Amino acid sequence: MPFSQGQIIFSIFFILVFGSGLTWAYRKDIKRQPKYAKGSLFILIAIITMFILFRALNIVIS
């Protein structure tokens, strides 16, 4: 089912605003409690790697 232009614009806007809010909150938290942010970059890289591997596997299987 194709998306309408309005739905695409809304989703792009939502992702940008939500991502900005998350980034702002994370930066604010990391200043207050840096010990809880240790290793978060490793987790982010692991999630992105898993997503890429899943996507590649999906392309190979299809």
C-alpha atoms as a PDB file:
ATOM      1  CA  MET A   1       0.000   0.000   0.000  1.00  0.00           C
ATOM      2  CA  PRO A   2       1.663   3.251  -1.078  1.00  0.00           C
ATOM      3  CA  PHE A   3       1.845   6.182   1.301  1.00  0.00           C
ATOM      4  CA  SER A   4       0.353   9.556   0.464  1.00  0.00           C
ATOM      5  CA  GLN A   5       2.593  12.607   0.248  1.00  0.00           C
ATOM      6  CA  GLY A   6       1.115  13.954   3.486  1.00  0.00           C
ATOM      7  CA  GLN A   7       1.941  10.736   5.343  1.00  0.00           C
ATOM      8  CA  ILE A   8       5.519  10.809   4.075  1.00  0.00           C
ATOM      9  CA  ILE A   9       5.971  14.456   5.093  1.00  0.00           C
ATOM     10  CA  PHE A  10       4.492  13.737   8.531  1.00  0.00           C
ATOM     11  CA  SER A  11       6.750  10.718   9.079  1.00  0.00           C
ATOM     12  CA  ILE A  12       9.884  12.645   8.074  1.00  0.00           C
ATOM     13  CA  PHE A  13       8.897  15.544  10.345  1.00  0.00           C
ATOM     14  CA  PHE A  14       8.106  13.150  13.215  1.00  0.00           C
ATOM     15  CA  ILE A  15      11.438  11.329  12.881  1.00  0.00           C
ATOM     16  CA  LEU A  16      13.376  14.610  12.837  1.00  0.00           C
ATOM     17  CA  VAL A  17      11.573  16.083  15.851  1.00  0.00           C
ATOM     18  CA  PHE A  18      11.627  12.833  17.837  1.00  0.00           C
ATOM     19  CA  GLY A  19      15.321  12.259  17.064  1.00  0.00           C
ATOM     20  CA  SER A  20      16.146  15.834  18.051  1.00  0.00           C
ATOM     21  CA  GLY A  21      14.262  15.421  21.316  1.00  0.00           C
ATOM     22  CA  LEU A  22      16.047  12.175  22.093  1.00  0.00           C
ATOM     23  CA  THR A  23      19.430  13.703  21.319  1.00  0.00           C
ATOM     24  CA  TRP A  24      18.701  16.738  23.477  1.00  0.00           C
ATOM     25  CA  ALA A  25      17.546  14.578  26.405  1.00  0.00           C
ATOM     26  CA  TYR A  26      20.534  12.237  26.070  1.00  0.00           C
ATOM     27  CA  ARG A  27      23.032  15.114  26.034  1.00  0.00           C
ATOM     28  CA  LYS A  28      21.333  16.635  29.060  1.00  0.00           C
ATOM     29  CA  ASP A  29      21.418  13.307  30.933  1.00  0.00           C
ATOM     30  CA  ILE A  30      25.014  12.481  30.061  1.00  0.00           C
ATOM     31  CA  LYS A  31      26.152  15.697  31.733  1.00  0.00           C
ATOM     32  CA  ARG A  32      24.317  14.822  34.943  1.00  0.00           C
ATOM     33  CA  GLN A  33      25.082  11.092  35.113  1.00  0.00           C
ATOM     34  CA  PRO A  34      28.058  10.160  32.937  1.00  0.00           C
ATOM     35  CA  LYS A  35      28.595   6.741  34.541  1.00  0.00           C
ATOM     36  CA  TYR A  36      25.287   5.440  33.116  1.00  0.00           C
ATOM     37  CA  ALA A  37      26.264   6.473  29.578  1.00  0.00           C
ATOM     38  CA  LYS A  38      29.404   4.320  29.535  1.00  0.00           C
ATOM     39  CA  GLY A  39      29.252   1.801  26.704  1.00  0.00           C
ATOM     40  CA  SER A  40      26.265   3.413  25.015  1.00  0.00           C
ATOM     41  CA  LEU A  41      28.245   3.969  21.813  1.00  0.00           C
ATOM     42  CA  PHE A  42      28.991   0.238  21.666  1.00  0.00           C
ATOM     43  CA  ILE A  43      25.271  -0.535  22.041  1.00  0.00           C
ATOM     44  CA  LEU A  44      24.398   1.917  19.264  1.00  0.00           C
ATOM     45  CA  ILE A  45      26.971   0.358  16.922  1.00  0.00           C
ATOM     46  CA  ALA A  46      25.679  -3.130  17.761  1.00  0.00           C
ATOM     47  CA  ILE A  47      22.073  -2.131  16.992  1.00  0.00           C
ATOM     48  CA  ILE A  48      23.045  -0.513  13.688  1.00  0.00           C
ATOM     49  CA  THR A  49      25.143  -3.556  12.748  1.00  0.00           C
ATOM     50  CA  MET A  50      22.264  -5.920  13.523  1.00  0.00           C
ATOM     51  CA  PHE A  51      19.908  -3.792  11.442  1.00  0.00           C
ATOM     52  CA  ILE A  52      22.327  -3.826   8.481  1.00  0.00           C
ATOM     53  CA  LEU A  53      22.845  -7.585   8.766  1.00  0.00           C
ATOM     54  CA  PHE A  54      19.092  -8.190   8.952  1.00  0.00           C
ATOM     55  CA  ARG A  55      18.530  -5.970   5.920  1.00  0.00           C
ATOM     56  CA  ALA A  56      21.298  -7.720   3.952  1.00  0.00           C
ATOM     57  CA  LEU A  57      19.904 -11.137   4.839  1.00  0.00           C
ATOM     58  CA  ASN A  58      16.441 -10.002   3.809  1.00  0.00           C
ATOM     59  CA  ILE A  59      17.775  -8.850   0.408  1.00  0.00           C
ATOM     60  CA  VAL A  60      19.699 -12.095  -0.143  1.00  0.00           C
ATOM     61  CA  ILE A  61      16.700 -14.273   0.712  1.00  0.00           C
ATOM     62  CA  SER A  62      14.249 -12.308  -1.475  1.00  0.00           C
END
